[in-house]
């Protein structure tokens, strides 16, 4: 693919991902053989994130709040990819929400995207543009406190039914506990 075509594909991808509203997105052009969905990440504020997740109603949704600078987050992230592969065809969608932006420092969206590409994170990926400003709304909607990694599971009606702070009995067994919850939720009919 020549540079002009690649640039055009990237521009189309950026425009279609909502960059016109002043929020950034980083993406890879779709593969020429159409075999896999491109991995993208969009910088958002709470209303955009909430709308995107609300549009997934009817599916079981696992939302992972994480950051590339958080060693436990990086260690746990492959399980999120595994969850999507294991349950995706049963009506589950994983969503990653990067909290990489710190204070007034600019967000390195390419760093986040590069991590997601290495993980093969082929599901909706977002990066919070201003976690501090949106924290209250994020807490009300998803129950997130100040610590990450933080996982929350939404049932098919969009309601939180499990989170890693309140429901994990033993951190060493969090993955197994989560898988049991997900097995049950994907087995339930809408």
N, C-alpha and C. Protein backbone atom coordinates (compact mmCIF):
# COMPACT_ATOMS: atom_id res chain seq x y z
N UNK A 1 0.86 -1.17 0.00
CA UNK A 1 0.00 0.00 0.00
C UNK A 1 0.90 1.22 0.00
N UNK A 2 0.62 2.17 -0.90
CA UNK A 2 1.49 3.34 -0.95
C UNK A 2 1.12 4.33 0.15
N UNK A 3 1.98 5.28 0.37
CA UNK A 3 1.82 6.24 1.46
C UNK A 3 0.55 7.07 1.31
N UNK A 4 0.20 7.45 0.09
CA UNK A 4 -0.99 8.27 -0.15
C UNK A 4 -2.26 7.52 0.26
N UNK A 5 -2.36 6.23 -0.10
CA UNK A 5 -3.53 5.41 0.26
C UNK A 5 -3.58 5.21 1.77
N UNK A 6 -2.43 4.93 2.39
CA UNK A 6 -2.39 4.73 3.84
C UNK A 6 -2.83 6.00 4.57
N UNK A 7 -2.36 7.16 4.10
CA UNK A 7 -2.73 8.44 4.71
C UNK A 7 -4.23 8.68 4.55
N UNK A 8 -4.77 8.40 3.38
CA UNK A 8 -6.20 8.57 3.13
C UNK A 8 -7.02 7.67 4.06
N UNK A 9 -6.62 6.39 4.19
CA UNK A 9 -7.33 5.47 5.08
C UNK A 9 -7.30 5.95 6.52
N UNK A 10 -6.15 6.45 6.96
CA UNK A 10 -6.03 6.95 8.33
C UNK A 10 -6.92 8.17 8.53
N UNK A 11 -6.94 9.07 7.55
CA UNK A 11 -7.78 10.26 7.67
C UNK A 11 -9.26 9.89 7.74
N UNK A 12 -9.68 8.95 6.90
CA UNK A 12 -11.08 8.49 6.93
C UNK A 12 -11.40 7.86 8.26
N UNK A 13 -10.49 7.04 8.76
CA UNK A 13 -10.69 6.38 10.05
C UNK A 13 -10.82 7.40 11.18
N UNK A 14 -9.97 8.42 11.17
CA UNK A 14 -10.02 9.44 12.21
C UNK A 14 -11.32 10.23 12.15
N UNK A 15 -11.75 10.58 10.94
CA UNK A 15 -12.99 11.32 10.82
C UNK A 15 -14.19 10.50 11.25
N UNK A 16 -14.20 9.22 10.92
CA UNK A 16 -15.35 8.39 11.26
C UNK A 16 -15.36 8.00 12.73
N UNK A 17 -14.25 8.17 13.43
CA UNK A 17 -14.22 7.79 14.84
C UNK A 17 -14.58 8.94 15.77
N UNK A 18 -15.01 10.06 15.22
CA UNK A 18 -15.50 11.12 16.08
C UNK A 18 -14.49 12.20 16.37
N UNK A 19 -13.41 12.29 15.63
CA UNK A 19 -12.39 13.29 15.92
C UNK A 19 -12.88 14.70 15.65
N UNK A 20 -13.95 14.84 14.90
CA UNK A 20 -14.47 16.15 14.61
C UNK A 20 -14.99 16.86 15.84
N UNK A 21 -15.18 16.16 16.98
CA UNK A 21 -15.70 16.80 18.18
C UNK A 21 -14.57 17.27 19.09
N UNK A 22 -13.35 17.36 18.56
CA UNK A 22 -12.23 17.86 19.34
C UNK A 22 -11.55 16.79 20.17
N UNK A 23 -11.93 15.56 20.02
CA UNK A 23 -11.30 14.48 20.76
C UNK A 23 -10.45 13.67 19.78
N UNK A 24 -9.32 13.15 20.28
CA UNK A 24 -8.39 12.44 19.43
C UNK A 24 -8.73 10.97 19.29
N UNK A 25 -8.23 10.40 18.23
CA UNK A 25 -8.31 8.96 18.06
C UNK A 25 -7.03 8.51 17.38
N UNK A 26 -6.59 7.32 17.71
CA UNK A 26 -5.46 6.70 17.03
C UNK A 26 -5.95 5.36 16.53
N UNK A 27 -5.60 5.06 15.30
CA UNK A 27 -6.07 3.79 14.76
C UNK A 27 -5.10 3.27 13.73
N UNK A 28 -5.28 2.03 13.39
CA UNK A 28 -4.53 1.43 12.31
C UNK A 28 -5.50 1.23 11.16
N UNK A 29 -5.03 1.41 9.91
CA UNK A 29 -5.95 1.17 8.80
C UNK A 29 -6.36 -0.29 8.78
N UNK A 30 -7.56 -0.58 8.27
CA UNK A 30 -8.01 -1.97 8.22
C UNK A 30 -7.08 -2.79 7.33
N UNK A 31 -6.88 -4.05 7.68
CA UNK A 31 -6.05 -4.91 6.82
C UNK A 31 -6.68 -5.04 5.44
N UNK A 32 -5.83 -5.14 4.43
CA UNK A 32 -6.34 -5.19 3.06
C UNK A 32 -7.16 -6.45 2.79
N UNK A 33 -6.92 -7.53 3.56
CA UNK A 33 -7.68 -8.76 3.33
C UNK A 33 -8.98 -8.79 4.12
N UNK A 34 -9.24 -7.78 4.95
CA UNK A 34 -10.48 -7.70 5.71
C UNK A 34 -10.61 -8.74 6.81
N UNK A 35 -9.50 -9.38 7.18
CA UNK A 35 -9.57 -10.50 8.12
C UNK A 35 -9.84 -10.10 9.56
N UNK A 36 -9.36 -8.95 9.99
CA UNK A 36 -9.54 -8.58 11.39
C UNK A 36 -9.93 -7.12 11.50
N UNK A 37 -10.68 -6.83 12.53
CA UNK A 37 -11.04 -5.46 12.84
C UNK A 37 -9.80 -4.69 13.25
N UNK A 38 -9.61 -3.46 12.76
CA UNK A 38 -8.45 -2.69 13.17
C UNK A 38 -8.55 -2.33 14.66
N UNK A 39 -7.41 -2.17 15.28
CA UNK A 39 -7.37 -1.78 16.69
C UNK A 39 -7.30 -0.26 16.74
N UNK A 40 -8.26 0.34 17.43
CA UNK A 40 -8.32 1.79 17.55
C UNK A 40 -8.44 2.16 19.02
N UNK A 41 -8.13 3.41 19.32
CA UNK A 41 -8.36 3.95 20.66
C UNK A 41 -8.80 5.40 20.48
N UNK A 42 -9.83 5.78 21.20
CA UNK A 42 -10.38 7.11 21.08
C UNK A 42 -10.30 7.82 22.43
N UNK A 43 -9.76 9.04 22.43
CA UNK A 43 -9.70 9.86 23.63
C UNK A 43 -11.09 10.48 23.84
N UNK A 44 -11.65 10.28 25.03
CA UNK A 44 -13.03 10.70 25.29
C UNK A 44 -13.18 11.32 26.67
N UNK A 45 -14.29 12.00 26.82
CA UNK A 45 -14.77 12.43 28.13
C UNK A 45 -15.94 11.51 28.50
N UNK A 46 -16.44 11.62 29.72
CA UNK A 46 -17.46 10.70 30.21
C UNK A 46 -18.68 10.56 29.31
N UNK A 47 -19.29 11.65 28.82
CA UNK A 47 -20.52 11.47 28.03
C UNK A 47 -20.33 10.56 26.81
N UNK A 48 -19.20 10.66 26.13
CA UNK A 48 -18.95 9.83 24.95
C UNK A 48 -18.74 8.38 25.36
N UNK A 49 -17.96 8.17 26.42
CA UNK A 49 -17.74 6.81 26.91
C UNK A 49 -19.05 6.17 27.34
N UNK A 50 -19.84 6.89 28.11
CA UNK A 50 -21.10 6.36 28.61
C UNK A 50 -22.05 6.02 27.46
N UNK A 51 -22.09 6.88 26.44
CA UNK A 51 -22.95 6.63 25.28
C UNK A 51 -22.49 5.36 24.56
N UNK A 52 -21.19 5.22 24.36
CA UNK A 52 -20.67 4.05 23.65
C UNK A 52 -21.00 2.76 24.41
N UNK A 53 -20.85 2.79 25.71
CA UNK A 53 -21.15 1.60 26.51
C UNK A 53 -22.66 1.35 26.57
N UNK A 54 -23.44 2.41 26.66
CA UNK A 54 -24.90 2.26 26.67
C UNK A 54 -25.41 1.63 25.38
N UNK A 55 -24.73 1.89 24.27
CA UNK A 55 -25.12 1.31 22.99
C UNK A 55 -24.88 -0.20 22.94
N UNK A 56 -24.17 -0.73 23.91
CA UNK A 56 -23.91 -2.17 23.97
C UNK A 56 -24.97 -2.91 24.78
N UNK A 57 -26.02 -2.19 25.23
CA UNK A 57 -27.09 -2.84 25.99
C UNK A 57 -27.60 -4.03 25.21
N UNK A 58 -27.88 -5.11 25.92
CA UNK A 58 -28.27 -6.38 25.29
C UNK A 58 -27.11 -7.36 25.29
N UNK A 59 -25.92 -6.85 25.58
CA UNK A 59 -24.73 -7.69 25.70
C UNK A 59 -24.20 -7.60 27.13
N UNK A 60 -23.46 -8.61 27.54
CA UNK A 60 -22.72 -8.54 28.80
C UNK A 60 -21.47 -7.73 28.48
N UNK A 61 -21.16 -6.72 29.31
CA UNK A 61 -20.03 -5.83 29.03
C UNK A 61 -19.05 -5.87 30.20
N UNK A 62 -17.78 -6.09 29.88
CA UNK A 62 -16.71 -6.04 30.87
C UNK A 62 -15.90 -4.80 30.57
N UNK A 63 -15.86 -3.85 31.52
CA UNK A 63 -15.12 -2.61 31.34
C UNK A 63 -13.88 -2.67 32.22
N UNK A 64 -12.72 -2.50 31.61
CA UNK A 64 -11.44 -2.53 32.31
C UNK A 64 -10.84 -1.13 32.31
N UNK A 65 -10.68 -0.55 33.51
CA UNK A 65 -10.00 0.73 33.68
C UNK A 65 -8.54 0.40 34.01
N UNK A 66 -7.61 0.91 33.23
CA UNK A 66 -6.21 0.51 33.33
C UNK A 66 -5.31 1.64 32.84
N UNK A 67 -4.00 1.43 32.91
CA UNK A 67 -3.03 2.38 32.35
C UNK A 67 -1.74 1.63 32.02
N UNK A 68 -1.00 2.13 31.04
CA UNK A 68 0.25 1.48 30.66
C UNK A 68 1.30 1.62 31.75
N UNK A 69 1.19 2.64 32.60
CA UNK A 69 2.16 2.85 33.68
C UNK A 69 1.83 2.02 34.93
N UNK A 70 0.73 1.29 34.91
CA UNK A 70 0.27 0.48 36.05
C UNK A 70 0.67 -0.97 35.83
N UNK A 71 1.70 -1.43 36.55
CA UNK A 71 2.21 -2.80 36.35
C UNK A 71 1.13 -3.87 36.55
N UNK A 72 0.29 -3.80 37.60
CA UNK A 72 -0.76 -4.82 37.74
C UNK A 72 -1.76 -4.78 36.59
N UNK A 73 -2.03 -3.59 36.04
CA UNK A 73 -2.94 -3.47 34.90
C UNK A 73 -2.37 -4.19 33.68
N UNK A 74 -1.10 -3.93 33.41
CA UNK A 74 -0.42 -4.54 32.27
C UNK A 74 -0.40 -6.06 32.42
N UNK A 75 -0.16 -6.52 33.63
CA UNK A 75 -0.12 -7.97 33.89
C UNK A 75 -1.48 -8.62 33.67
N UNK A 76 -2.56 -7.92 34.05
CA UNK A 76 -3.91 -8.50 33.95
C UNK A 76 -4.54 -8.34 32.56
N UNK A 77 -4.03 -7.42 31.75
CA UNK A 77 -4.69 -7.11 30.49
C UNK A 77 -4.86 -8.31 29.56
N UNK A 78 -3.88 -9.21 29.46
CA UNK A 78 -4.10 -10.37 28.58
C UNK A 78 -5.34 -11.19 28.94
N UNK A 79 -5.74 -11.19 30.20
CA UNK A 79 -6.96 -11.92 30.58
C UNK A 79 -8.19 -11.26 29.94
N UNK A 80 -8.18 -9.94 29.81
CA UNK A 80 -9.29 -9.25 29.15
C UNK A 80 -9.41 -9.72 27.71
N UNK A 81 -8.29 -9.81 27.01
CA UNK A 81 -8.28 -10.29 25.62
C UNK A 81 -8.78 -11.74 25.58
N UNK A 82 -8.36 -12.54 26.53
CA UNK A 82 -8.81 -13.93 26.62
C UNK A 82 -10.32 -14.01 26.86
N UNK A 83 -10.85 -13.15 27.72
CA UNK A 83 -12.29 -13.11 28.00
C UNK A 83 -13.06 -12.83 26.70
N UNK A 84 -12.59 -11.84 25.93
CA UNK A 84 -13.27 -11.50 24.68
C UNK A 84 -13.27 -12.70 23.73
N UNK A 85 -12.14 -13.37 23.63
CA UNK A 85 -12.06 -14.54 22.74
C UNK A 85 -12.96 -15.67 23.22
N UNK A 86 -13.01 -15.87 24.53
CA UNK A 86 -13.77 -16.98 25.10
C UNK A 86 -15.27 -16.75 25.04
N UNK A 87 -15.72 -15.53 25.32
CA UNK A 87 -17.15 -15.26 25.47
C UNK A 87 -17.74 -14.35 24.39
N UNK A 88 -16.92 -13.81 23.50
CA UNK A 88 -17.40 -12.84 22.50
C UNK A 88 -18.53 -13.36 21.64
N UNK A 89 -18.48 -14.63 21.28
CA UNK A 89 -19.54 -15.18 20.44
C UNK A 89 -20.77 -15.58 21.25
N UNK A 90 -20.73 -15.33 22.56
CA UNK A 90 -21.87 -15.63 23.43
C UNK A 90 -22.56 -14.35 23.92
N UNK A 91 -22.27 -13.22 23.27
CA UNK A 91 -22.94 -11.98 23.62
C UNK A 91 -22.21 -11.14 24.65
N UNK A 92 -20.88 -11.24 24.70
CA UNK A 92 -20.09 -10.43 25.63
C UNK A 92 -19.18 -9.51 24.83
N UNK A 93 -18.97 -8.31 25.36
CA UNK A 93 -18.04 -7.36 24.76
C UNK A 93 -17.16 -6.79 25.86
N UNK A 94 -15.85 -6.83 25.63
CA UNK A 94 -14.91 -6.18 26.53
C UNK A 94 -14.68 -4.75 26.04
N UNK A 95 -14.47 -3.84 26.98
CA UNK A 95 -14.18 -2.44 26.68
C UNK A 95 -13.00 -2.04 27.55
N UNK A 96 -11.96 -1.48 26.94
CA UNK A 96 -10.84 -1.00 27.75
C UNK A 96 -10.88 0.52 27.83
N UNK A 97 -10.57 1.03 29.02
CA UNK A 97 -10.56 2.47 29.25
C UNK A 97 -9.22 2.83 29.89
N UNK A 98 -8.35 3.43 29.09
CA UNK A 98 -7.03 3.81 29.59
C UNK A 98 -7.13 5.08 30.43
N UNK A 99 -6.43 5.05 31.55
CA UNK A 99 -6.32 6.23 32.40
C UNK A 99 -4.87 6.73 32.37
N UNK A 100 -4.24 6.62 31.20
CA UNK A 100 -2.84 7.01 31.05
C UNK A 100 -2.59 8.49 31.27
N UNK A 101 -3.54 9.34 30.91
CA UNK A 101 -3.34 10.78 31.06
C UNK A 101 -3.25 11.14 32.54
N UNK A 102 -2.18 11.84 32.87
CA UNK A 102 -1.95 12.27 34.26
C UNK A 102 -1.87 13.79 34.30
N UNK A 103 -2.73 14.40 35.11
CA UNK A 103 -2.68 15.84 35.31
C UNK A 103 -2.72 16.62 34.02
N UNK A 104 -1.81 17.61 33.92
CA UNK A 104 -1.80 18.48 32.74
C UNK A 104 -0.91 17.95 31.62
N UNK A 105 -0.25 16.80 31.85
CA UNK A 105 0.57 16.21 30.80
C UNK A 105 -0.31 15.78 29.62
N UNK A 106 0.17 15.95 28.40
CA UNK A 106 -0.62 15.48 27.26
C UNK A 106 -0.68 13.95 27.24
N UNK A 107 -1.76 13.45 26.75
CA UNK A 107 -1.94 12.01 26.62
C UNK A 107 -1.13 11.50 25.44
N UNK A 108 -0.35 10.46 25.65
CA UNK A 108 0.40 9.82 24.58
C UNK A 108 -0.47 8.71 24.01
N UNK A 109 -1.37 9.09 23.13
CA UNK A 109 -2.33 8.15 22.56
C UNK A 109 -1.65 7.05 21.75
N UNK A 110 -0.55 7.37 21.11
CA UNK A 110 0.18 6.35 20.34
C UNK A 110 0.77 5.29 21.26
N UNK A 111 1.23 5.68 22.45
CA UNK A 111 1.76 4.70 23.41
C UNK A 111 0.65 3.74 23.84
N UNK A 112 -0.53 4.28 24.10
CA UNK A 112 -1.67 3.45 24.47
C UNK A 112 -2.02 2.51 23.32
N UNK A 113 -2.11 3.07 22.11
CA UNK A 113 -2.47 2.25 20.94
C UNK A 113 -1.43 1.15 20.70
N UNK A 114 -0.16 1.47 20.82
CA UNK A 114 0.89 0.47 20.61
C UNK A 114 0.75 -0.68 21.60
N UNK A 115 0.41 -0.37 22.85
CA UNK A 115 0.18 -1.42 23.84
C UNK A 115 -1.00 -2.29 23.42
N UNK A 116 -2.08 -1.66 23.00
CA UNK A 116 -3.29 -2.39 22.60
C UNK A 116 -3.02 -3.28 21.39
N UNK A 117 -2.22 -2.80 20.45
CA UNK A 117 -1.87 -3.60 19.27
C UNK A 117 -1.07 -4.82 19.71
N UNK A 118 -0.09 -4.63 20.59
CA UNK A 118 0.70 -5.76 21.08
C UNK A 118 -0.16 -6.79 21.80
N UNK A 119 -1.23 -6.33 22.46
CA UNK A 119 -2.12 -7.23 23.18
C UNK A 119 -3.17 -7.86 22.26
N UNK A 120 -3.30 -7.35 21.03
CA UNK A 120 -4.32 -7.77 20.08
C UNK A 120 -5.72 -7.50 20.65
N UNK A 121 -5.88 -6.30 21.18
CA UNK A 121 -7.13 -5.87 21.85
C UNK A 121 -8.15 -5.42 20.82
N UNK A 122 -8.84 -6.39 20.21
CA UNK A 122 -9.80 -6.12 19.14
C UNK A 122 -11.21 -5.98 19.70
N UNK A 123 -11.37 -4.92 20.50
CA UNK A 123 -12.65 -4.55 21.07
C UNK A 123 -12.62 -3.04 21.29
N UNK A 124 -13.70 -2.41 21.72
CA UNK A 124 -13.68 -0.95 21.90
C UNK A 124 -12.64 -0.53 22.94
N UNK A 125 -11.80 0.42 22.53
CA UNK A 125 -10.74 0.95 23.40
C UNK A 125 -10.87 2.46 23.48
N UNK A 126 -10.84 2.96 24.70
CA UNK A 126 -10.95 4.39 24.94
C UNK A 126 -9.83 4.84 25.86
N UNK A 127 -9.56 6.13 25.85
CA UNK A 127 -8.62 6.76 26.78
C UNK A 127 -9.31 7.99 27.35
N UNK A 128 -9.36 8.08 28.67
CA UNK A 128 -10.03 9.23 29.29
C UNK A 128 -9.20 10.49 29.08
N UNK A 129 -9.85 11.52 28.59
CA UNK A 129 -9.19 12.80 28.35
C UNK A 129 -8.96 13.57 29.64
N UNK A 130 -9.84 13.37 30.63
CA UNK A 130 -9.71 14.10 31.90
C UNK A 130 -10.40 13.30 33.01
N UNK A 131 -9.69 12.30 33.52
CA UNK A 131 -10.23 11.43 34.56
C UNK A 131 -10.66 12.24 35.79
N UNK A 132 -9.85 13.20 36.19
CA UNK A 132 -10.17 13.99 37.39
C UNK A 132 -11.50 14.72 37.23
N UNK A 133 -11.72 15.32 36.09
CA UNK A 133 -12.96 16.07 35.86
C UNK A 133 -14.16 15.14 35.75
N UNK A 134 -13.95 13.92 35.25
CA UNK A 134 -15.04 12.98 35.04
C UNK A 134 -15.18 11.94 36.16
N UNK A 135 -14.33 12.01 37.16
CA UNK A 135 -14.29 10.97 38.19
C UNK A 135 -15.65 10.76 38.88
N UNK A 136 -16.31 11.83 39.23
CA UNK A 136 -17.59 11.71 39.93
C UNK A 136 -18.61 10.95 39.09
N UNK A 137 -18.71 11.28 37.81
CA UNK A 137 -19.67 10.59 36.93
C UNK A 137 -19.25 9.14 36.70
N UNK A 138 -17.94 8.90 36.55
CA UNK A 138 -17.44 7.54 36.38
C UNK A 138 -17.73 6.70 37.61
N UNK A 139 -17.57 7.32 38.79
CA UNK A 139 -17.85 6.60 40.04
C UNK A 139 -19.33 6.24 40.13
N UNK A 140 -20.20 7.21 39.83
CA UNK A 140 -21.64 6.95 39.90
C UNK A 140 -22.06 5.84 38.93
N UNK A 141 -21.52 5.87 37.72
CA UNK A 141 -21.95 4.93 36.68
C UNK A 141 -21.30 3.55 36.82
N UNK A 142 -19.99 3.54 37.16
CA UNK A 142 -19.25 2.28 37.14
C UNK A 142 -18.69 1.86 38.50
N UNK A 143 -18.75 2.75 39.50
CA UNK A 143 -18.27 2.41 40.83
C UNK A 143 -16.77 2.54 41.02
N UNK A 144 -16.07 3.08 40.04
CA UNK A 144 -14.62 3.18 40.15
C UNK A 144 -14.21 4.19 41.22
N UNK A 145 -13.25 3.77 42.04
CA UNK A 145 -12.67 4.66 43.04
C UNK A 145 -11.45 5.33 42.44
N UNK A 146 -10.37 5.34 43.20
CA UNK A 146 -9.14 5.95 42.71
C UNK A 146 -8.10 4.94 42.27
N UNK A 147 -8.35 3.65 42.51
CA UNK A 147 -7.33 2.65 42.21
C UNK A 147 -7.61 1.87 40.95
N UNK A 148 -6.53 1.51 40.26
CA UNK A 148 -6.61 0.63 39.11
C UNK A 148 -5.57 -0.45 39.29
N UNK A 149 -5.74 -1.59 38.67
CA UNK A 149 -6.77 -1.95 37.71
C UNK A 149 -8.14 -2.08 38.39
N UNK A 150 -9.15 -1.77 37.63
CA UNK A 150 -10.53 -1.86 38.12
C UNK A 150 -11.38 -2.42 36.99
N UNK A 151 -12.06 -3.50 37.27
CA UNK A 151 -12.98 -4.12 36.31
C UNK A 151 -14.40 -4.02 36.82
N UNK A 152 -15.32 -3.75 35.91
CA UNK A 152 -16.74 -3.77 36.25
C UNK A 152 -17.46 -4.54 35.15
N UNK A 153 -18.42 -5.35 35.57
CA UNK A 153 -19.22 -6.14 34.63
C UNK A 153 -20.64 -5.58 34.64
N UNK A 154 -21.16 -5.32 33.44
CA UNK A 154 -22.54 -4.85 33.27
C UNK A 154 -23.35 -6.00 32.69
N UNK A 155 -24.54 -6.21 33.24
CA UNK A 155 -25.40 -7.25 32.69
C UNK A 155 -26.02 -6.77 31.38
N UNK A 156 -26.86 -7.60 30.78
CA UNK A 156 -27.44 -7.28 29.48
C UNK A 156 -28.35 -6.05 29.52
N UNK A 157 -28.81 -5.66 30.70
CA UNK A 157 -29.63 -4.45 30.81
C UNK A 157 -28.77 -3.21 31.03
N UNK A 158 -27.45 -3.39 31.12
CA UNK A 158 -26.54 -2.26 31.29
C UNK A 158 -26.25 -1.89 32.73
N UNK A 159 -26.71 -2.73 33.67
CA UNK A 159 -26.50 -2.43 35.09
C UNK A 159 -25.25 -3.12 35.62
N UNK A 160 -24.45 -2.41 36.44
CA UNK A 160 -23.28 -3.05 37.05
C UNK A 160 -23.72 -4.18 37.99
N UNK A 161 -23.10 -5.36 37.84
CA UNK A 161 -23.46 -6.51 38.67
C UNK A 161 -22.26 -7.09 39.39
N UNK A 162 -21.05 -6.64 39.05
CA UNK A 162 -19.83 -7.18 39.66
C UNK A 162 -18.72 -6.16 39.42
N UNK A 163 -17.86 -5.98 40.44
CA UNK A 163 -16.66 -5.18 40.21
C UNK A 163 -15.51 -5.74 41.03
N UNK A 164 -14.31 -5.45 40.61
CA UNK A 164 -13.13 -6.04 41.21
C UNK A 164 -12.81 -5.51 42.59
N UNK A 165 -13.38 -4.39 42.99
CA UNK A 165 -13.15 -3.89 44.35
C UNK A 165 -14.08 -4.53 45.35
N UNK A 166 -15.34 -4.65 45.01
CA UNK A 166 -16.34 -5.12 45.98
C UNK A 166 -16.53 -6.63 45.97
N UNK A 167 -16.29 -7.28 44.85
CA UNK A 167 -16.68 -8.68 44.72
C UNK A 167 -15.56 -9.71 44.74
N UNK A 168 -14.33 -9.26 44.74
CA UNK A 168 -13.23 -10.21 44.71
C UNK A 168 -12.85 -10.59 46.14
N UNK A 169 -12.95 -11.89 46.41
CA UNK A 169 -12.62 -12.38 47.75
C UNK A 169 -11.11 -12.55 47.91
N UNK A 170 -10.45 -13.02 46.87
CA UNK A 170 -9.01 -13.30 46.91
C UNK A 170 -8.40 -12.79 45.61
N UNK A 171 -7.59 -11.75 45.68
CA UNK A 171 -7.00 -11.13 44.48
C UNK A 171 -6.25 -12.15 43.61
N UNK A 172 -5.68 -13.17 44.24
CA UNK A 172 -4.95 -14.18 43.48
C UNK A 172 -5.90 -15.02 42.63
N UNK A 173 -7.17 -15.02 42.96
CA UNK A 173 -8.15 -15.83 42.23
C UNK A 173 -9.17 -14.97 41.48
N UNK A 174 -8.84 -13.69 41.29
CA UNK A 174 -9.78 -12.77 40.63
C UNK A 174 -10.19 -13.26 39.25
N UNK A 175 -9.25 -13.72 38.44
CA UNK A 175 -9.56 -14.17 37.08
C UNK A 175 -10.55 -15.32 37.09
N UNK A 176 -10.35 -16.30 37.99
CA UNK A 176 -11.25 -17.43 38.07
C UNK A 176 -12.64 -17.00 38.55
N UNK A 177 -12.69 -16.10 39.55
CA UNK A 177 -13.97 -15.61 40.05
C UNK A 177 -14.72 -14.87 38.94
N UNK A 178 -14.01 -14.05 38.19
CA UNK A 178 -14.63 -13.30 37.10
C UNK A 178 -15.17 -14.25 36.04
N UNK A 179 -14.41 -15.26 35.68
CA UNK A 179 -14.86 -16.22 34.66
C UNK A 179 -16.15 -16.93 35.09
N UNK A 180 -16.26 -17.26 36.37
CA UNK A 180 -17.49 -17.92 36.88
C UNK A 180 -18.69 -16.97 36.72
N UNK A 181 -18.50 -15.70 37.07
CA UNK A 181 -19.57 -14.71 36.92
C UNK A 181 -19.96 -14.57 35.46
N UNK A 182 -18.98 -14.50 34.59
CA UNK A 182 -19.26 -14.32 33.15
C UNK A 182 -19.95 -15.53 32.54
N UNK A 183 -19.53 -16.72 32.94
CA UNK A 183 -20.21 -17.95 32.46
C UNK A 183 -21.69 -17.86 32.75
N UNK A 184 -22.03 -17.45 33.96
CA UNK A 184 -23.43 -17.37 34.37
C UNK A 184 -24.17 -16.30 33.58
N UNK A 185 -23.56 -15.12 33.43
CA UNK A 185 -24.23 -14.03 32.74
C UNK A 185 -24.45 -14.31 31.26
N UNK A 186 -23.47 -14.89 30.59
CA UNK A 186 -23.67 -15.14 29.15
C UNK A 186 -24.66 -16.27 28.91
N UNK A 187 -24.85 -17.12 29.91
CA UNK A 187 -25.83 -18.21 29.78
C UNK A 187 -27.26 -17.71 29.92
N UNK A 188 -27.44 -16.58 30.62
CA UNK A 188 -28.79 -16.01 30.81
C UNK A 188 -29.28 -15.42 29.52
N UNK A 189 -30.53 -15.62 29.23
CA UNK A 189 -31.14 -15.04 28.03
C UNK A 189 -31.51 -13.60 28.32
N UNK A 190 -31.64 -12.84 27.25
CA UNK A 190 -31.97 -11.40 27.39
C UNK A 190 -33.30 -11.18 28.04
